[in-house]
Amino acid sequence: MATTGLVNGTLVALWKDIAGVPTKVANLTSTDFEFSKDTIDATNKDGAGYKEFLVGLSSWTMNAEGIFEEDAGVGTNISAKELLDDIIAGAPITAVMSSAESGDLKLSGSAVITSFSWNAPVNDVSTFSVSLQGSGALTVGTV
């Protein structure tokens, strides 16, 4: 059943589609999504002293942070190490951001991983962050 009311961010995660099966990235602490539109300056002499703009190209990104676990295949989830393997390979992946609740918002599309960082401080948990750049259209649907 779809989530109603305010959404608890704990429910929303980054998933990687593997052969048609969305597989959750393990141990996430945050996820975010951004969609933007470029503008094209169309200012002309008839604009009465105001700039005018047209809507240009669209782009989207997804980012995630989490606790680093090296094991490949953390339970039924994928590990941060698998995302590191993906950025090294350089091939696009199908990225999904959603909850696991049927009927909830689901954002998905082909993306390339543009950065992966790993932080390992003394006497503290080791963390990672990953950034994905959408390549092509974003699909907005439901789980």
N, C-alpha and C. Protein backbone atom coordinates (compact mmCIF):
# COMPACT_ATOMS: atom_id res chain seq x y z
N MET A 1 0.84 -1.18 0.00
CA MET A 1 0.00 0.00 0.00
C MET A 1 0.89 1.24 0.00
N ALA A 2 0.54 2.22 -0.80
CA ALA A 2 1.34 3.42 -0.94
C ALA A 2 1.44 4.18 0.38
N THR A 3 2.60 4.79 0.58
CA THR A 3 2.81 5.61 1.76
C THR A 3 1.89 6.83 1.68
N THR A 4 1.29 7.21 2.80
CA THR A 4 0.44 8.40 2.83
C THR A 4 1.01 9.40 3.83
N GLY A 5 0.65 10.65 3.66
CA GLY A 5 1.14 11.69 4.57
C GLY A 5 2.60 12.00 4.33
N LEU A 6 3.23 12.52 5.38
CA LEU A 6 4.65 12.88 5.28
C LEU A 6 5.48 11.61 5.10
N VAL A 7 6.52 11.71 4.29
CA VAL A 7 7.35 10.54 3.97
C VAL A 7 8.56 10.50 4.90
N ASN A 8 8.74 9.39 5.57
CA ASN A 8 9.93 9.16 6.39
C ASN A 8 11.08 8.83 5.44
N GLY A 9 12.12 9.65 5.45
CA GLY A 9 13.25 9.47 4.54
C GLY A 9 13.94 8.12 4.66
N THR A 10 13.78 7.48 5.80
CA THR A 10 14.39 6.16 6.00
C THR A 10 13.86 5.14 5.00
N LEU A 11 12.64 5.35 4.50
CA LEU A 11 12.04 4.41 3.56
C LEU A 11 12.63 4.50 2.16
N VAL A 12 13.21 5.64 1.80
CA VAL A 12 13.66 5.88 0.43
C VAL A 12 15.14 5.50 0.29
N ALA A 13 15.44 4.76 -0.77
CA ALA A 13 16.81 4.27 -0.96
C ALA A 13 17.21 4.36 -2.43
N LEU A 14 18.49 4.13 -2.66
CA LEU A 14 19.03 4.00 -4.01
C LEU A 14 19.09 2.52 -4.34
N TRP A 15 18.63 2.18 -5.53
CA TRP A 15 18.61 0.80 -5.99
C TRP A 15 19.33 0.74 -7.33
N LYS A 16 19.91 -0.39 -7.62
CA LYS A 16 20.50 -0.65 -8.94
C LYS A 16 19.69 -1.77 -9.57
N ASP A 17 19.21 -1.51 -10.79
CA ASP A 17 18.45 -2.53 -11.50
C ASP A 17 19.42 -3.56 -12.07
N ILE A 18 19.28 -4.80 -11.63
CA ILE A 18 20.12 -5.89 -12.12
C ILE A 18 19.22 -6.90 -12.82
N ALA A 19 19.30 -6.95 -14.14
CA ALA A 19 18.50 -7.87 -14.95
C ALA A 19 17.01 -7.75 -14.63
N GLY A 20 16.54 -6.50 -14.51
CA GLY A 20 15.11 -6.26 -14.28
C GLY A 20 14.68 -6.34 -12.83
N VAL A 21 15.63 -6.58 -11.93
CA VAL A 21 15.30 -6.68 -10.51
C VAL A 21 15.98 -5.54 -9.75
N PRO A 22 15.19 -4.58 -9.21
CA PRO A 22 15.81 -3.52 -8.42
C PRO A 22 16.46 -4.11 -7.17
N THR A 23 17.76 -3.82 -6.98
CA THR A 23 18.52 -4.36 -5.85
C THR A 23 19.05 -3.18 -5.03
N LYS A 24 18.67 -3.14 -3.77
CA LYS A 24 18.97 -2.02 -2.89
C LYS A 24 20.46 -1.93 -2.57
N VAL A 25 20.98 -0.71 -2.52
CA VAL A 25 22.34 -0.47 -2.05
C VAL A 25 22.31 -0.56 -0.53
N ALA A 26 23.17 -1.38 0.05
CA ALA A 26 23.16 -1.66 1.48
C ALA A 26 23.71 -0.50 2.31
N ASN A 27 23.23 -0.39 3.51
CA ASN A 27 23.77 0.47 4.57
C ASN A 27 23.73 1.97 4.26
N LEU A 28 22.73 2.42 3.51
CA LEU A 28 22.65 3.85 3.19
C LEU A 28 22.24 4.67 4.41
N THR A 29 22.78 5.88 4.48
CA THR A 29 22.38 6.83 5.51
C THR A 29 21.65 8.03 4.92
N SER A 30 21.83 8.27 3.61
CA SER A 30 21.08 9.33 2.95
C SER A 30 21.08 9.11 1.44
N THR A 31 20.05 9.64 0.81
CA THR A 31 19.92 9.61 -0.65
C THR A 31 19.32 10.94 -1.08
N ASP A 32 19.71 11.42 -2.25
CA ASP A 32 19.06 12.62 -2.75
C ASP A 32 18.97 12.58 -4.27
N PHE A 33 18.06 13.38 -4.77
CA PHE A 33 17.75 13.46 -6.21
C PHE A 33 17.61 14.92 -6.56
N GLU A 34 18.09 15.28 -7.76
CA GLU A 34 17.90 16.63 -8.26
C GLU A 34 17.60 16.59 -9.75
N PHE A 35 16.60 17.37 -10.15
CA PHE A 35 16.22 17.51 -11.55
C PHE A 35 16.34 18.98 -11.89
N SER A 36 16.95 19.30 -13.03
CA SER A 36 17.10 20.71 -13.39
C SER A 36 16.88 20.91 -14.89
N LYS A 37 16.57 22.15 -15.23
CA LYS A 37 16.38 22.57 -16.62
C LYS A 37 17.35 23.69 -16.92
N ASP A 38 18.05 23.59 -18.04
CA ASP A 38 18.88 24.70 -18.50
C ASP A 38 17.96 25.78 -19.05
N THR A 39 18.47 26.99 -19.07
CA THR A 39 17.73 28.06 -19.72
C THR A 39 18.56 28.61 -20.87
N ILE A 40 17.87 29.09 -21.87
CA ILE A 40 18.50 29.68 -23.04
C ILE A 40 18.13 31.16 -23.05
N ASP A 41 19.13 31.99 -23.03
CA ASP A 41 18.89 33.44 -23.01
C ASP A 41 18.30 33.86 -24.36
N ALA A 42 17.09 34.38 -24.32
CA ALA A 42 16.41 34.84 -25.54
C ALA A 42 16.11 36.34 -25.45
N THR A 43 16.93 37.06 -24.66
CA THR A 43 16.74 38.49 -24.49
C THR A 43 16.87 39.21 -25.83
N ASN A 44 15.95 40.15 -26.04
CA ASN A 44 15.95 40.90 -27.30
C ASN A 44 15.54 42.34 -27.05
N LYS A 45 15.59 43.14 -28.06
CA LYS A 45 15.30 44.57 -27.94
C LYS A 45 13.84 44.86 -27.64
N ASP A 46 12.97 43.88 -27.82
CA ASP A 46 11.55 44.10 -27.57
C ASP A 46 11.13 43.65 -26.18
N GLY A 47 12.07 43.35 -25.30
CA GLY A 47 11.76 42.81 -23.97
C GLY A 47 11.46 43.86 -22.91
N ALA A 48 11.32 45.12 -23.28
CA ALA A 48 10.97 46.19 -22.35
C ALA A 48 11.93 46.24 -21.16
N GLY A 49 13.21 45.99 -21.41
CA GLY A 49 14.21 46.08 -20.36
C GLY A 49 14.33 44.83 -19.49
N TYR A 50 13.65 43.76 -19.86
CA TYR A 50 13.71 42.51 -19.10
C TYR A 50 14.36 41.41 -19.93
N LYS A 51 15.09 40.56 -19.26
CA LYS A 51 15.64 39.40 -19.92
C LYS A 51 14.52 38.40 -20.17
N GLU A 52 14.67 37.64 -21.24
CA GLU A 52 13.72 36.59 -21.56
C GLU A 52 14.47 35.28 -21.73
N PHE A 53 13.84 34.19 -21.33
CA PHE A 53 14.48 32.88 -21.39
C PHE A 53 13.55 31.83 -21.97
N LEU A 54 14.15 30.87 -22.66
CA LEU A 54 13.46 29.69 -23.12
C LEU A 54 13.95 28.51 -22.28
N VAL A 55 13.14 27.48 -22.18
CA VAL A 55 13.55 26.28 -21.46
C VAL A 55 14.43 25.44 -22.37
N GLY A 56 15.56 25.00 -21.83
CA GLY A 56 16.50 24.20 -22.60
C GLY A 56 16.47 22.74 -22.19
N LEU A 57 17.64 22.14 -22.12
CA LEU A 57 17.77 20.72 -21.82
C LEU A 57 17.54 20.40 -20.34
N SER A 58 17.11 19.19 -20.08
CA SER A 58 16.89 18.71 -18.72
C SER A 58 18.05 17.83 -18.30
N SER A 59 18.31 17.77 -16.99
CA SER A 59 19.30 16.84 -16.46
C SER A 59 18.88 16.42 -15.06
N TRP A 60 19.42 15.28 -14.63
CA TRP A 60 19.10 14.80 -13.28
C TRP A 60 20.29 14.07 -12.69
N THR A 61 20.34 14.09 -11.35
CA THR A 61 21.38 13.39 -10.62
C THR A 61 20.79 12.67 -9.42
N MET A 62 21.48 11.65 -8.97
CA MET A 62 21.17 10.96 -7.72
C MET A 62 22.48 10.85 -6.94
N ASN A 63 22.39 10.98 -5.64
CA ASN A 63 23.55 10.85 -4.76
C ASN A 63 23.17 10.02 -3.56
N ALA A 64 24.14 9.34 -3.00
CA ALA A 64 23.88 8.54 -1.80
C ALA A 64 25.12 8.48 -0.93
N GLU A 65 24.89 8.32 0.35
CA GLU A 65 25.96 8.12 1.33
C GLU A 65 25.57 6.95 2.19
N GLY A 66 26.59 6.26 2.71
CA GLY A 66 26.29 5.12 3.56
C GLY A 66 27.51 4.63 4.32
N ILE A 67 27.30 3.59 5.06
CA ILE A 67 28.36 2.94 5.81
C ILE A 67 28.98 1.89 4.91
N PHE A 68 30.31 1.94 4.80
CA PHE A 68 31.01 1.06 3.88
C PHE A 68 31.06 -0.37 4.40
N GLU A 69 30.66 -1.30 3.57
CA GLU A 69 30.80 -2.73 3.84
C GLU A 69 31.35 -3.36 2.58
N GLU A 70 32.45 -4.02 2.71
CA GLU A 70 33.17 -4.51 1.54
C GLU A 70 32.56 -5.76 0.91
N ASP A 71 31.82 -6.53 1.68
CA ASP A 71 31.27 -7.79 1.19
C ASP A 71 30.42 -7.57 -0.05
N ALA A 72 30.70 -8.34 -1.08
CA ALA A 72 29.86 -8.30 -2.28
C ALA A 72 28.57 -9.02 -1.94
N GLY A 73 27.45 -8.39 -2.27
CA GLY A 73 26.16 -9.01 -2.00
C GLY A 73 25.88 -9.07 -0.51
N VAL A 74 25.56 -7.93 0.08
CA VAL A 74 25.24 -7.84 1.51
C VAL A 74 23.80 -8.31 1.68
N GLY A 75 23.65 -9.59 2.06
CA GLY A 75 22.30 -10.16 2.10
C GLY A 75 21.75 -10.17 0.68
N THR A 76 20.57 -9.58 0.51
CA THR A 76 19.98 -9.47 -0.83
C THR A 76 20.30 -8.12 -1.46
N ASN A 77 21.11 -7.31 -0.79
CA ASN A 77 21.48 -5.97 -1.27
C ASN A 77 22.83 -6.01 -1.97
N ILE A 78 23.20 -4.88 -2.57
CA ILE A 78 24.54 -4.78 -3.14
C ILE A 78 25.39 -3.90 -2.24
N SER A 79 26.68 -4.13 -2.26
CA SER A 79 27.60 -3.39 -1.40
C SER A 79 28.15 -2.16 -2.11
N ALA A 80 28.75 -1.28 -1.33
CA ALA A 80 29.41 -0.10 -1.90
C ALA A 80 30.52 -0.52 -2.85
N LYS A 81 31.19 -1.61 -2.54
CA LYS A 81 32.28 -2.10 -3.40
C LYS A 81 31.77 -2.38 -4.81
N GLU A 82 30.55 -2.87 -4.93
CA GLU A 82 30.00 -3.13 -6.26
C GLU A 82 29.80 -1.83 -7.05
N LEU A 83 29.48 -0.73 -6.34
CA LEU A 83 29.37 0.57 -7.01
C LEU A 83 30.75 1.06 -7.45
N LEU A 84 31.77 0.78 -6.65
CA LEU A 84 33.14 1.11 -7.03
C LEU A 84 33.52 0.34 -8.30
N ASP A 85 33.15 -0.93 -8.36
CA ASP A 85 33.41 -1.73 -9.56
C ASP A 85 32.72 -1.11 -10.77
N ASP A 86 31.49 -0.59 -10.58
CA ASP A 86 30.74 0.03 -11.68
C ASP A 86 31.41 1.29 -12.21
N ILE A 87 31.92 2.13 -11.31
CA ILE A 87 32.56 3.37 -11.79
C ILE A 87 33.86 3.04 -12.52
N ILE A 88 34.58 2.05 -12.04
CA ILE A 88 35.82 1.64 -12.71
C ILE A 88 35.51 1.09 -14.10
N ALA A 89 34.44 0.30 -14.21
CA ALA A 89 34.04 -0.26 -15.51
C ALA A 89 33.58 0.83 -16.47
N GLY A 90 32.98 1.90 -15.94
CA GLY A 90 32.55 3.02 -16.77
C GLY A 90 31.26 2.81 -17.54
N ALA A 91 30.60 1.70 -17.32
CA ALA A 91 29.36 1.42 -18.05
C ALA A 91 28.17 2.03 -17.32
N PRO A 92 27.17 2.50 -18.05
CA PRO A 92 25.96 3.02 -17.39
C PRO A 92 25.25 1.90 -16.62
N ILE A 93 24.54 2.31 -15.57
CA ILE A 93 23.69 1.38 -14.82
C ILE A 93 22.27 1.95 -14.85
N THR A 94 21.30 1.14 -14.53
CA THR A 94 19.95 1.65 -14.34
C THR A 94 19.78 1.92 -12.86
N ALA A 95 19.62 3.21 -12.52
CA ALA A 95 19.50 3.65 -11.14
C ALA A 95 18.03 3.90 -10.82
N VAL A 96 17.66 3.57 -9.59
CA VAL A 96 16.28 3.74 -9.13
C VAL A 96 16.33 4.38 -7.75
N MET A 97 15.47 5.37 -7.52
CA MET A 97 15.31 5.94 -6.19
C MET A 97 13.86 5.82 -5.82
N SER A 98 13.60 5.08 -4.74
CA SER A 98 12.23 4.85 -4.30
C SER A 98 12.24 4.16 -2.95
N SER A 99 11.04 3.94 -2.44
CA SER A 99 10.88 3.08 -1.28
C SER A 99 10.58 1.68 -1.82
N ALA A 100 10.30 0.77 -0.94
CA ALA A 100 9.91 -0.58 -1.37
C ALA A 100 8.39 -0.76 -1.30
N GLU A 101 7.67 0.32 -0.99
CA GLU A 101 6.22 0.25 -0.81
C GLU A 101 5.48 0.33 -2.15
N SER A 102 4.66 -0.64 -2.42
CA SER A 102 3.87 -0.65 -3.64
C SER A 102 3.02 0.61 -3.72
N GLY A 103 3.07 1.27 -4.88
CA GLY A 103 2.29 2.48 -5.10
C GLY A 103 3.06 3.76 -4.83
N ASP A 104 4.26 3.67 -4.22
CA ASP A 104 5.06 4.87 -3.95
C ASP A 104 5.76 5.37 -5.20
N LEU A 105 6.19 6.61 -5.17
CA LEU A 105 6.93 7.24 -6.26
C LEU A 105 8.21 6.47 -6.54
N LYS A 106 8.51 6.30 -7.83
CA LYS A 106 9.73 5.61 -8.26
C LYS A 106 10.36 6.41 -9.39
N LEU A 107 11.61 6.83 -9.20
CA LEU A 107 12.36 7.56 -10.21
C LEU A 107 13.44 6.62 -10.75
N SER A 108 13.55 6.51 -12.06
CA SER A 108 14.56 5.59 -12.60
C SER A 108 15.05 6.05 -13.96
N GLY A 109 16.23 5.57 -14.31
CA GLY A 109 16.79 5.86 -15.61
C GLY A 109 18.23 5.40 -15.70
N SER A 110 18.76 5.47 -16.89
CA SER A 110 20.16 5.12 -17.12
C SER A 110 21.03 6.23 -16.54
N ALA A 111 22.10 5.82 -15.84
CA ALA A 111 23.00 6.80 -15.22
C ALA A 111 24.43 6.28 -15.24
N VAL A 112 25.36 7.22 -15.23
CA VAL A 112 26.76 6.88 -15.08
C VAL A 112 27.20 7.34 -13.70
N ILE A 113 28.02 6.54 -13.05
CA ILE A 113 28.55 6.93 -11.75
C ILE A 113 29.71 7.89 -12.02
N THR A 114 29.60 9.10 -11.50
CA THR A 114 30.61 10.12 -11.78
C THR A 114 31.62 10.28 -10.65
N SER A 115 31.27 9.83 -9.45
CA SER A 115 32.26 9.88 -8.37
C SER A 115 31.92 8.86 -7.30
N PHE A 116 32.95 8.37 -6.67
CA PHE A 116 32.84 7.44 -5.55
C PHE A 116 33.92 7.81 -4.55
N SER A 117 33.54 8.03 -3.31
CA SER A 117 34.55 8.34 -2.30
C SER A 117 34.37 7.42 -1.10
N TRP A 118 35.48 7.15 -0.45
CA TRP A 118 35.51 6.24 0.70
C TRP A 118 36.26 6.94 1.81
N ASN A 119 35.64 7.05 2.97
CA ASN A 119 36.23 7.73 4.11
C ASN A 119 36.45 6.71 5.22
N ALA A 120 37.67 6.66 5.78
CA ALA A 120 38.00 5.67 6.81
C ALA A 120 38.73 6.35 7.97
N PRO A 121 38.02 7.07 8.83
CA PRO A 121 38.66 7.78 9.94
C PRO A 121 39.07 6.83 11.08
N VAL A 122 40.01 7.28 11.89
CA VAL A 122 40.46 6.51 13.05
C VAL A 122 39.31 6.36 14.05
N ASN A 123 39.10 5.15 14.52
CA ASN A 123 38.12 4.86 15.58
C ASN A 123 36.72 5.35 15.25
N ASP A 124 36.34 5.20 14.00
CA ASP A 124 34.99 5.60 13.59
C ASP A 124 34.57 4.70 12.43
N VAL A 125 33.31 4.72 12.13
CA VAL A 125 32.79 3.89 11.05
C VAL A 125 33.29 4.41 9.70
N SER A 126 33.59 3.50 8.81
CA SER A 126 34.03 3.83 7.47
C SER A 126 32.80 4.11 6.61
N THR A 127 32.83 5.19 5.84
CA THR A 127 31.67 5.60 5.06
C THR A 127 32.04 5.74 3.58
N PHE A 128 31.01 5.83 2.74
CA PHE A 128 31.21 6.05 1.31
C PHE A 128 30.18 7.03 0.81
N SER A 129 30.46 7.64 -0.33
CA SER A 129 29.46 8.43 -1.03
C SER A 129 29.61 8.17 -2.53
N VAL A 130 28.49 8.27 -3.22
CA VAL A 130 28.47 7.99 -4.65
C VAL A 130 27.56 9.01 -5.33
N SER A 131 27.98 9.47 -6.52
CA SER A 131 27.19 10.41 -7.31
C SER A 131 26.93 9.81 -8.68
N LEU A 132 25.70 9.96 -9.14
CA LEU A 132 25.30 9.43 -10.44
C LEU A 132 24.72 10.56 -11.29
N GLN A 133 25.10 10.59 -12.55
CA GLN A 133 24.57 11.56 -13.50
C GLN A 133 23.65 10.82 -14.46
N GLY A 134 22.40 11.26 -14.53
CA GLY A 134 21.45 10.68 -15.45
C GLY A 134 21.91 10.84 -16.89
N SER A 135 21.68 9.82 -17.70
CA SER A 135 22.05 9.85 -19.10
C SER A 135 20.80 9.52 -19.91
N GLY A 136 20.10 10.53 -20.35
CA GLY A 136 18.83 10.32 -21.05
C GLY A 136 17.66 10.63 -20.15
N ALA A 137 16.52 10.17 -20.58
CA ALA A 137 15.27 10.51 -19.91
C ALA A 137 15.14 9.86 -18.53
N LEU A 138 14.48 10.57 -17.64
CA LEU A 138 14.12 10.07 -16.33
C LEU A 138 12.71 9.50 -16.44
N THR A 139 12.50 8.34 -15.86
CA THR A 139 11.16 7.75 -15.82
C THR A 139 10.58 7.98 -14.44
N VAL A 140 9.40 8.58 -14.40
CA VAL A 140 8.69 8.81 -13.14
C VAL A 140 7.50 7.87 -13.13
N GLY A 141 7.50 6.97 -12.15
CA GLY A 141 6.43 5.97 -12.06
C GLY A 141 6.13 5.63 -10.62
N THR A 142 5.61 4.44 -10.42
CA THR A 142 5.33 3.96 -9.08
C THR A 142 5.91 2.56 -8.90
N VAL A 143 6.19 2.23 -7.65
CA VAL A 143 6.73 0.92 -7.31
C VAL A 143 5.67 -0.13 -7.60
